Amino acid sequence: MKSVKDLFKSRKKIVLIGALIVLVILVCVWLKEDGKIEKDVLLKILPEKVDLHVKDVHYTEVGDPDSTWEINADSAKYIREDNLVFFNNIRIKLIMSDGRTFVMTGDEGCLCTDTKDIEVNGNVEVISDKGDRFITDHLNYCSSDKRIYTDGYVTMKNQQMEISGVGMTLLMKTEKVSLLSTVTAIIK
């Protein structure tokens, strides 16, 4: 038969094990609830209309047989109701069906998801694979007619010349560039 001392030790072990189990359960519940609170706080930070907010974005559009374009950005916010995606630090690579490429960069961008039109603002630069470089504050890309245009001040540079003016249209299919007014040129 067990002595009182042995029974006391057994009960002590059982109580200690029970206390440890309760402690583990409490810690698990606390960690689970702590995670829920952080998720709720994160969701409250997003504006009401934003359906999705992602970082380090890479998006490829392949639906057009004449061109493929890739968008990379630090972040993007998608608003389904308005068919808009807003990008920060955007880089767009447009690859034409004949292999020509154009790379467009800017501080911010906006893609209309139904028309595939794009607006880029802030430190905008377009570089062609031939080395032509366009610099402006803002520009637009019209997907239906493959046209890049701006009403702002623009500078075009390449190895042979530097041309500046106000307003520009670049037709991607023909690579025809038109500067609309106040044009100055330096031929090298």
C-alpha atoms as a PDB file:
ATOM      1  CA  MET A   1       0.000   0.000   0.000  1.00  0.00           C
ATOM      2  CA  LYS A   2       1.178   3.524  -0.820  1.00  0.00           C
ATOM      3  CA  SER A   3       2.190   5.825   1.918  1.00  0.00           C
ATOM      4  CA  VAL A   4       0.632   9.241   2.413  1.00  0.00           C
ATOM      5  CA  LYS A   5       3.843  10.817   1.217  1.00  0.00           C
ATOM      6  CA  ASP A   6       3.697   8.896  -2.119  1.00  0.00           C
ATOM      7  CA  LEU A   7       0.021   9.822  -2.635  1.00  0.00           C
ATOM      8  CA  PHE A   8       0.845  13.460  -1.968  1.00  0.00           C
ATOM      9  CA  LYS A   9       3.655  13.351  -4.578  1.00  0.00           C
ATOM     10  CA  SER A  10       1.309  11.728  -7.144  1.00  0.00           C
ATOM     11  CA  ARG A  11      -1.360  14.367  -6.611  1.00  0.00           C
ATOM     12  CA  LYS A  12       1.260  17.084  -6.838  1.00  0.00           C
ATOM     13  CA  LYS A  13       2.415  15.717 -10.217  1.00  0.00           C
ATOM     14  CA  ILE A  14      -1.168  15.494 -11.482  1.00  0.00           C
ATOM     15  CA  VAL A  15      -1.936  19.054 -10.375  1.00  0.00           C
ATOM     16  CA  LEU A  16       1.330  20.313 -11.923  1.00  0.00           C
ATOM     17  CA  ILE A  17       0.618  18.542 -15.228  1.00  0.00           C
ATOM     18  CA  GLY A  18      -2.949  19.886 -15.229  1.00  0.00           C
ATOM     19  CA  ALA A  19      -1.700  23.426 -14.548  1.00  0.00           C
ATOM     20  CA  LEU A  20       0.801  23.133 -17.437  1.00  0.00           C
ATOM     21  CA  ILE A  21      -1.931  21.940 -19.802  1.00  0.00           C
ATOM     22  CA  VAL A  22      -4.187  24.865 -18.831  1.00  0.00           C
ATOM     23  CA  LEU A  23      -1.257  27.270 -19.255  1.00  0.00           C
ATOM     24  CA  VAL A  24      -0.500  25.918 -22.760  1.00  0.00           C
ATOM     25  CA  ILE A  25      -4.160  26.241 -23.755  1.00  0.00           C
ATOM     26  CA  LEU A  26      -4.294  29.834 -22.470  1.00  0.00           C
ATOM     27  CA  VAL A  27      -1.126  30.766 -24.379  1.00  0.00           C
ATOM     28  CA  CYS A  28      -2.515  29.217 -27.598  1.00  0.00           C
ATOM     29  CA  VAL A  29      -5.811  31.090 -27.235  1.00  0.00           C
ATOM     30  CA  TRP A  30      -3.967  34.339 -26.492  1.00  0.00           C
ATOM     31  CA  LEU A  31      -1.727  33.966 -29.568  1.00  0.00           C
ATOM     32  CA  LYS A  32      -4.691  33.148 -31.780  1.00  0.00           C
ATOM     33  CA  GLU A  33      -6.657  36.180 -30.547  1.00  0.00           C
ATOM     34  CA  ASP A  34      -3.579  38.417 -30.876  1.00  0.00           C
ATOM     35  CA  GLY A  35      -3.294  37.468 -34.558  1.00  0.00           C
ATOM     36  CA  LYS A  36      -6.979  38.274 -35.147  1.00  0.00           C
ATOM     37  CA  ILE A  37      -6.563  41.716 -33.644  1.00  0.00           C
ATOM     38  CA  GLU A  38      -3.631  42.500 -35.974  1.00  0.00           C
ATOM     39  CA  LYS A  39      -5.609  41.374 -39.027  1.00  0.00           C
ATOM     40  CA  ASP A  40      -8.592  43.518 -38.025  1.00  0.00           C
ATOM     41  CA  VAL A  41      -6.345  46.555 -37.566  1.00  0.00           C
ATOM     42  CA  LEU A  42      -4.743  46.007 -41.005  1.00  0.00           C
ATOM     43  CA  LEU A  43      -8.141  45.789 -42.689  1.00  0.00           C
ATOM     44  CA  LYS A  44      -9.332  48.982 -41.024  1.00  0.00           C
ATOM     45  CA  ILE A  45      -6.381  50.896 -42.499  1.00  0.00           C
ATOM     46  CA  LEU A  46      -7.472  50.219 -46.105  1.00  0.00           C
ATOM     47  CA  PRO A  47      -9.992  52.635 -47.649  1.00  0.00           C
ATOM     48  CA  GLU A  48     -13.547  51.317 -47.924  1.00  0.00           C
ATOM     49  CA  LYS A  49     -13.576  51.110 -51.728  1.00  0.00           C
ATOM     50  CA  VAL A  50     -10.281  49.182 -52.099  1.00  0.00           C
ATOM     51  CA  ASP A  51     -10.969  45.524 -52.895  1.00  0.00           C
ATOM     52  CA  LEU A  52      -7.353  44.390 -52.937  1.00  0.00           C
ATOM     53  CA  HIS A  53      -3.994  45.914 -51.948  1.00  0.00           C
ATOM     54  CA  VAL A  54      -0.795  44.075 -52.859  1.00  0.00           C
ATOM     55  CA  LYS A  55       2.939  44.785 -52.761  1.00  0.00           C
ATOM     56  CA  ASP A  56       5.675  43.854 -55.265  1.00  0.00           C
ATOM     57  CA  VAL A  57       3.272  43.560 -58.186  1.00  0.00           C
ATOM     58  CA  HIS A  58       3.982  41.766 -61.461  1.00  0.00           C
ATOM     59  CA  TYR A  59       1.109  41.707 -63.958  1.00  0.00           C
ATOM     60  CA  THR A  60       1.235  40.466 -67.564  1.00  0.00           C
ATOM     61  CA  GLU A  61      -1.451  41.270 -70.144  1.00  0.00           C
ATOM     62  CA  VAL A  62      -1.421  38.806 -73.045  1.00  0.00           C
ATOM     63  CA  GLY A  63      -4.926  39.153 -74.533  1.00  0.00           C
ATOM     64  CA  ASP A  64      -3.922  41.402 -77.456  1.00  0.00           C
ATOM     65  CA  PRO A  65      -2.314  39.691 -80.488  1.00  0.00           C
ATOM     66  CA  ASP A  66      -0.477  42.926 -81.464  1.00  0.00           C
ATOM     67  CA  SER A  67       1.250  43.458 -78.121  1.00  0.00           C
ATOM     68  CA  THR A  68       2.033  42.060 -74.705  1.00  0.00           C
ATOM     69  CA  TRP A  69       2.728  44.244 -71.737  1.00  0.00           C
ATOM     70  CA  GLU A  70       4.088  43.645 -68.291  1.00  0.00           C
ATOM     71  CA  ILE A  71       3.529  45.884 -65.302  1.00  0.00           C
ATOM     72  CA  ASN A  72       5.810  45.882 -62.273  1.00  0.00           C
ATOM     73  CA  ALA A  73       5.154  48.144 -59.299  1.00  0.00           C
ATOM     74  CA  ASP A  74       5.984  48.518 -55.627  1.00  0.00           C
ATOM     75  CA  SER A  75       2.285  48.272 -54.767  1.00  0.00           C
ATOM     76  CA  ALA A  76      -1.171  48.239 -56.320  1.00  0.00           C
ATOM     77  CA  LYS A  77      -4.700  48.958 -55.116  1.00  0.00           C
ATOM     78  CA  TYR A  78      -7.594  47.442 -57.047  1.00  0.00           C
ATOM     79  CA  ILE A  79     -11.044  49.019 -56.977  1.00  0.00           C
ATOM     80  CA  ARG A  80     -13.399  46.598 -58.735  1.00  0.00           C
ATOM     81  CA  GLU A  81     -16.428  48.906 -58.655  1.00  0.00           C
ATOM     82  CA  ASP A  82     -14.571  51.540 -60.747  1.00  0.00           C
ATOM     83  CA  ASN A  83     -12.513  49.062 -62.862  1.00  0.00           C
ATOM     84  CA  LEU A  84      -9.295  50.774 -61.733  1.00  0.00           C
ATOM     85  CA  VAL A  85      -5.901  49.666 -60.449  1.00  0.00           C
ATOM     86  CA  PHE A  86      -3.609  52.292 -58.896  1.00  0.00           C
ATOM     87  CA  PHE A  87       0.153  51.606 -58.893  1.00  0.00           C
ATOM     88  CA  ASN A  88       3.112  53.125 -57.033  1.00  0.00           C
ATOM     89  CA  ASN A  89       6.536  53.244 -58.732  1.00  0.00           C
ATOM     90  CA  ILE A  90       5.254  51.716 -61.928  1.00  0.00           C
ATOM     91  CA  ARG A  91       7.325  50.139 -64.721  1.00  0.00           C
ATOM     92  CA  ILE A  92       5.547  49.011 -67.883  1.00  0.00           C
ATOM     93  CA  LYS A  93       7.233  47.002 -70.619  1.00  0.00           C
ATOM     94  CA  LEU A  94       5.298  46.928 -73.891  1.00  0.00           C
ATOM     95  CA  ILE A  95       6.384  44.232 -76.342  1.00  0.00           C
ATOM     96  CA  MET A  96       5.026  44.649 -79.870  1.00  0.00           C
ATOM     97  CA  SER A  97       4.291  41.609 -82.053  1.00  0.00           C
ATOM     98  CA  ASP A  98       7.307  42.456 -84.286  1.00  0.00           C
ATOM     99  CA  GLY A  99       9.662  42.338 -81.268  1.00  0.00           C
ATOM    100  CA  ARG A 100      10.023  46.085 -80.645  1.00  0.00           C
ATOM    101  CA  THR A 101       9.872  47.094 -76.985  1.00  0.00           C
ATOM    102  CA  PHE A 102       9.015  50.242 -75.059  1.00  0.00           C
ATOM    103  CA  VAL A 103       9.619  50.660 -71.324  1.00  0.00           C
ATOM    104  CA  MET A 104       7.564  53.284 -69.493  1.00  0.00           C
ATOM    105  CA  THR A 105       8.277  54.286 -65.884  1.00  0.00           C
ATOM    106  CA  GLY A 106       6.737  56.755 -63.451  1.00  0.00           C
ATOM    107  CA  ASP A 107       5.969  57.509 -59.824  1.00  0.00           C
ATOM    108  CA  GLU A 108       2.274  56.548 -60.090  1.00  0.00           C
ATOM    109  CA  GLY A 109       0.039  54.825 -62.575  1.00  0.00           C
ATOM    110  CA  CYS A 110      -3.593  53.974 -63.104  1.00  0.00           C
ATOM    111  CA  LEU A 111      -4.908  51.109 -65.257  1.00  0.00           C
ATOM    112  CA  CYS A 112      -8.519  51.026 -66.400  1.00  0.00           C
ATOM    113  CA  THR A 113      -9.168  47.275 -66.361  1.00  0.00           C
ATOM    114  CA  ASP A 114     -12.010  47.272 -68.883  1.00  0.00           C
ATOM    115  CA  THR A 115     -10.357  49.425 -71.614  1.00  0.00           C
ATOM    116  CA  LYS A 116      -6.703  48.605 -70.737  1.00  0.00           C
ATOM    117  CA  ASP A 117      -5.884  52.336 -70.936  1.00  0.00           C
ATOM    118  CA  ILE A 118      -3.097  53.546 -68.646  1.00  0.00           C
ATOM    119  CA  GLU A 119      -2.212  56.899 -67.132  1.00  0.00           C
ATOM    120  CA  VAL A 120       1.284  57.460 -65.691  1.00  0.00           C
ATOM    121  CA  ASN A 121       2.278  60.496 -63.578  1.00  0.00           C
ATOM    122  CA  GLY A 122       5.441  61.865 -61.989  1.00  0.00           C
ATOM    123  CA  ASN A 123       8.954  61.573 -63.475  1.00  0.00           C
ATOM    124  CA  VAL A 124       7.627  59.749 -66.525  1.00  0.00           C
ATOM    125  CA  GLU A 125      10.085  58.256 -68.962  1.00  0.00           C
ATOM    126  CA  VAL A 126       9.565  56.105 -72.057  1.00  0.00           C
ATOM    127  CA  ILE A 127      12.562  54.330 -73.610  1.00  0.00           C
ATOM    128  CA  SER A 128      12.374  52.425 -76.877  1.00  0.00           C
ATOM    129  CA  ASP A 129      14.605  49.498 -77.776  1.00  0.00           C
ATOM    130  CA  LYS A 130      16.203  51.796 -80.408  1.00  0.00           C
ATOM    131  CA  GLY A 131      17.364  54.193 -77.691  1.00  0.00           C
ATOM    132  CA  ASP A 132      14.737  56.915 -78.148  1.00  0.00           C
ATOM    133  CA  ARG A 133      13.886  58.468 -74.804  1.00  0.00           C
ATOM    134  CA  PHE A 134      10.825  60.571 -73.909  1.00  0.00           C
ATOM    135  CA  ILE A 135      10.660  62.506 -70.637  1.00  0.00           C
ATOM    136  CA  THR A 136       7.542  64.252 -69.274  1.00  0.00           C
ATOM    137  CA  ASP A 137       5.481  64.751 -66.107  1.00  0.00           C
ATOM    138  CA  HIS A 138       2.462  62.719 -67.217  1.00  0.00           C
ATOM    139  CA  LEU A 139       1.245  60.682 -70.150  1.00  0.00           C
ATOM    140  CA  ASN A 140      -1.502  58.336 -71.228  1.00  0.00           C
ATOM    141  CA  TYR A 141      -1.577  55.086 -73.152  1.00  0.00           C
ATOM    142  CA  CYS A 142      -4.657  54.333 -75.249  1.00  0.00           C
ATOM    143  CA  SER A 143      -4.850  50.583 -75.795  1.00  0.00           C
ATOM    144  CA  SER A 144      -7.398  50.601 -78.640  1.00  0.00           C
ATOM    145  CA  ASP A 145      -5.150  52.532 -81.030  1.00  0.00           C
ATOM    146  CA  LYS A 146      -1.747  51.783 -79.405  1.00  0.00           C
ATOM    147  CA  ARG A 147      -1.061  55.459 -78.780  1.00  0.00           C
ATOM    148  CA  ILE A 148       1.007  57.207 -76.110  1.00  0.00           C
ATOM    149  CA  TYR A 149       0.142  60.875 -75.658  1.00  0.00           C
ATOM    150  CA  THR A 150       0.489  63.859 -73.330  1.00  0.00           C
ATOM    151  CA  ASP A 151      -0.554  67.494 -73.289  1.00  0.00           C
ATOM    152  CA  GLY A 152       2.406  68.387 -71.064  1.00  0.00           C
ATOM    153  CA  TYR A 153       5.962  69.475 -71.760  1.00  0.00           C
ATOM    154  CA  VAL A 154       7.981  66.619 -73.263  1.00  0.00           C
ATOM    155  CA  THR A 155      11.599  66.065 -74.298  1.00  0.00           C
ATOM    156  CA  MET A 156      12.667  63.439 -76.805  1.00  0.00           C
ATOM    157  CA  LYS A 157      16.325  62.428 -76.913  1.00  0.00           C
ATOM    158  CA  ASN A 158      18.377  60.020 -78.976  1.00  0.00           C
ATOM    159  CA  GLN A 159      21.953  59.944 -80.333  1.00  0.00           C
ATOM    160  CA  GLN A 160      21.172  62.275 -83.245  1.00  0.00           C
ATOM    161  CA  MET A 161      18.933  64.927 -81.661  1.00  0.00           C
ATOM    162  CA  GLU A 162      17.087  66.424 -78.718  1.00  0.00           C
ATOM    163  CA  ILE A 163      13.591  67.808 -79.351  1.00  0.00           C
ATOM    164  CA  SER A 164      11.311  69.507 -76.819  1.00  0.00           C
ATOM    165  CA  GLY A 165       7.756  70.734 -77.068  1.00  0.00           C
ATOM    166  CA  VAL A 166       4.332  70.891 -75.488  1.00  0.00           C
ATOM    167  CA  GLY A 167       2.053  67.976 -76.273  1.00  0.00           C
ATOM    168  CA  MET A 168       3.081  64.726 -77.938  1.00  0.00           C
ATOM    169  CA  THR A 169       1.542  61.751 -79.680  1.00  0.00           C
ATOM    170  CA  LEU A 170       3.457  58.518 -80.330  1.00  0.00           C
ATOM    171  CA  LEU A 171       1.762  55.896 -82.488  1.00  0.00           C
ATOM    172  CA  MET A 172       3.232  52.570 -81.418  1.00  0.00           C
ATOM    173  CA  LYS A 173       2.452  50.623 -84.615  1.00  0.00           C
ATOM    174  CA  THR A 174       4.177  53.078 -86.957  1.00  0.00           C
ATOM    175  CA  GLU A 175       6.531  54.732 -84.414  1.00  0.00           C
ATOM    176  CA  LYS A 176       5.335  58.104 -85.706  1.00  0.00           C
ATOM    177  CA  VAL A 177       5.956  60.908 -83.191  1.00  0.00           C
ATOM    178  CA  SER A 178       4.214  64.286 -83.314  1.00  0.00           C
ATOM    179  CA  LEU A 179       5.086  67.199 -81.050  1.00  0.00           C
ATOM    180  CA  LEU A 180       2.159  69.619 -81.007  1.00  0.00           C
ATOM    181  CA  SER A 181       3.473  73.111 -80.119  1.00  0.00           C
ATOM    182  CA  THR A 182       6.395  75.235 -78.918  1.00  0.00           C
ATOM    183  CA  VAL A 183       8.882  72.863 -80.529  1.00  0.00           C
ATOM    184  CA  THR A 184      12.640  73.368 -80.220  1.00  0.00           C
ATOM    185  CA  ALA A 185      15.273  71.034 -81.615  1.00  0.00           C
ATOM    186  CA  ILE A 186      19.012  70.451 -81.324  1.00  0.00           C
ATOM    187  CA  ILE A 187      20.493  68.261 -84.046  1.00  0.00           C
ATOM    188  CA  LYS A 188      23.876  66.698 -83.276  1.00  0.00           C
END
